[in-house]
């Protein structure tokens, strides 16, 4: 019984923290001076994530979960 409760707590914790991680957008943390191409690519990822979120807001439930999946992949 205690073992099952322990696993339930672990699963709940993972679910909560996983949800928080996906709720945040991509982070710009690449130095443009050191890696200009990677910084530019990261900038495009952030823009794409913003566009997906805009589409989600504008179309509400009409995207069938595809926008959420795309946003998750961009984080």
C-alpha atoms as a PDB file:
ATOM      1  CA  UNK A   1       0.000   0.000   0.000  1.00  0.00           C
ATOM      2  CA  UNK A   2       2.762   2.460   0.945  1.00  0.00           C
ATOM      3  CA  UNK A   3       4.698   1.502  -2.195  1.00  0.00           C
ATOM      4  CA  UNK A   4       1.700   2.350  -4.404  1.00  0.00           C
ATOM      5  CA  UNK A   5       1.221   5.661  -2.616  1.00  0.00           C
ATOM      6  CA  UNK A   6       4.888   6.490  -3.180  1.00  0.00           C
ATOM      7  CA  UNK A   7       4.632   5.772  -6.901  1.00  0.00           C
ATOM      8  CA  UNK A   8       1.436   7.823  -7.115  1.00  0.00           C
ATOM      9  CA  UNK A   9       3.208  10.798  -5.558  1.00  0.00           C
ATOM     10  CA  UNK A  10       6.124  10.407  -7.969  1.00  0.00           C
ATOM     11  CA  UNK A  11       3.798  10.259 -10.985  1.00  0.00           C
ATOM     12  CA  UNK A  12       1.834  13.270  -9.802  1.00  0.00           C
ATOM     13  CA  UNK A  13       5.037  15.259  -9.296  1.00  0.00           C
ATOM     14  CA  UNK A  14       6.325  14.374 -12.752  1.00  0.00           C
ATOM     15  CA  UNK A  15       2.990  15.361 -14.286  1.00  0.00           C
ATOM     16  CA  UNK A  16       2.923  18.721 -12.520  1.00  0.00           C
ATOM     17  CA  UNK A  17       6.518  19.636 -13.338  1.00  0.00           C
ATOM     18  CA  UNK A  18       6.174  18.348 -16.907  1.00  0.00           C
ATOM     19  CA  UNK A  19       3.132  20.540 -17.376  1.00  0.00           C
ATOM     20  CA  UNK A  20       5.001  23.562 -16.076  1.00  0.00           C
ATOM     21  CA  UNK A  21       7.884  22.918 -18.442  1.00  0.00           C
ATOM     22  CA  UNK A  22       5.616  22.759 -21.484  1.00  0.00           C
ATOM     23  CA  UNK A  23       3.653  25.829 -20.388  1.00  0.00           C
ATOM     24  CA  UNK A  24       6.755  27.957 -20.805  1.00  0.00           C
ATOM     25  CA  UNK A  25       8.043  28.981 -24.186  1.00  0.00           C
ATOM     26  CA  UNK A  26      11.501  28.459 -25.646  1.00  0.00           C
ATOM     27  CA  UNK A  27      14.335  30.373 -24.009  1.00  0.00           C
ATOM     28  CA  UNK A  28      16.865  32.506 -25.887  1.00  0.00           C
ATOM     29  CA  UNK A  29      20.139  31.494 -24.275  1.00  0.00           C
ATOM     30  CA  UNK A  30      22.617  31.171 -27.156  1.00  0.00           C
ATOM     31  CA  UNK A  31      25.194  33.918 -27.529  1.00  0.00           C
ATOM     32  CA  UNK A  32      24.883  35.622 -30.921  1.00  0.00           C
ATOM     33  CA  UNK A  33      28.546  36.637 -30.691  1.00  0.00           C
ATOM     34  CA  UNK A  34      29.802  33.084 -30.162  1.00  0.00           C
ATOM     35  CA  UNK A  35      27.281  31.189 -32.324  1.00  0.00           C
ATOM     36  CA  UNK A  36      25.460  33.536 -34.705  1.00  0.00           C
ATOM     37  CA  UNK A  37      23.836  30.772 -36.786  1.00  0.00           C
ATOM     38  CA  UNK A  38      22.545  28.893 -33.739  1.00  0.00           C
ATOM     39  CA  UNK A  39      21.281  32.121 -32.170  1.00  0.00           C
ATOM     40  CA  UNK A  40      19.393  32.934 -35.379  1.00  0.00           C
ATOM     41  CA  UNK A  41      17.895  29.447 -35.483  1.00  0.00           C
ATOM     42  CA  UNK A  42      16.840  29.782 -31.864  1.00  0.00           C
ATOM     43  CA  UNK A  43      15.220  33.135 -32.673  1.00  0.00           C
ATOM     44  CA  UNK A  44      13.196  31.440 -35.447  1.00  0.00           C
ATOM     45  CA  UNK A  45      12.099  28.710 -33.028  1.00  0.00           C
ATOM     46  CA  UNK A  46      10.831  31.350 -30.607  1.00  0.00           C
ATOM     47  CA  UNK A  47       8.947  33.088 -33.424  1.00  0.00           C
ATOM     48  CA  UNK A  48       7.410  29.789 -34.543  1.00  0.00           C
ATOM     49  CA  UNK A  49       6.303  29.022 -30.988  1.00  0.00           C
ATOM     50  CA  UNK A  50       4.647  32.446 -30.741  1.00  0.00           C
ATOM     51  CA  UNK A  51       2.825  31.894 -34.061  1.00  0.00           C
ATOM     52  CA  UNK A  52       1.565  28.494 -32.926  1.00  0.00           C
ATOM     53  CA  UNK A  53       0.238  30.027 -29.714  1.00  0.00           C
ATOM     54  CA  UNK A  54      -1.467  32.806 -31.727  1.00  0.00           C
ATOM     55  CA  UNK A  55      -3.089  30.202 -33.976  1.00  0.00           C
ATOM     56  CA  UNK A  56      -4.224  28.259 -30.923  1.00  0.00           C
ATOM     57  CA  UNK A  57      -5.826  31.369 -29.446  1.00  0.00           C
ATOM     58  CA  UNK A  58      -7.485  32.412 -32.709  1.00  0.00           C
ATOM     59  CA  UNK A  59      -8.820  28.965 -33.605  1.00  0.00           C
ATOM     60  CA  UNK A  60      -9.508  27.619 -30.105  1.00  0.00           C
ATOM     61  CA  UNK A  61     -10.558  23.962 -30.425  1.00  0.00           C
ATOM     62  CA  UNK A  62     -10.454  23.737 -34.229  1.00  0.00           C
ATOM     63  CA  UNK A  63      -6.858  22.510 -34.495  1.00  0.00           C
ATOM     64  CA  UNK A  64      -7.458  19.055 -33.062  1.00  0.00           C
ATOM     65  CA  UNK A  65      -4.483  19.123 -30.693  1.00  0.00           C
ATOM     66  CA  UNK A  66      -1.955  19.671 -33.500  1.00  0.00           C
ATOM     67  CA  UNK A  67      -1.013  23.179 -32.320  1.00  0.00           C
ATOM     68  CA  UNK A  68      -0.401  21.941 -28.786  1.00  0.00           C
ATOM     69  CA  UNK A  69       1.806  19.138 -30.095  1.00  0.00           C
ATOM     70  CA  UNK A  70       3.739  21.601 -32.288  1.00  0.00           C
ATOM     71  CA  UNK A  71       4.247  23.988 -29.380  1.00  0.00           C
ATOM     72  CA  UNK A  72       5.484  21.131 -27.196  1.00  0.00           C
ATOM     73  CA  UNK A  73       8.018  20.117 -29.844  1.00  0.00           C
ATOM     74  CA  UNK A  74       9.325  23.688 -30.122  1.00  0.00           C
ATOM     75  CA  UNK A  75      10.089  24.031 -26.405  1.00  0.00           C
END
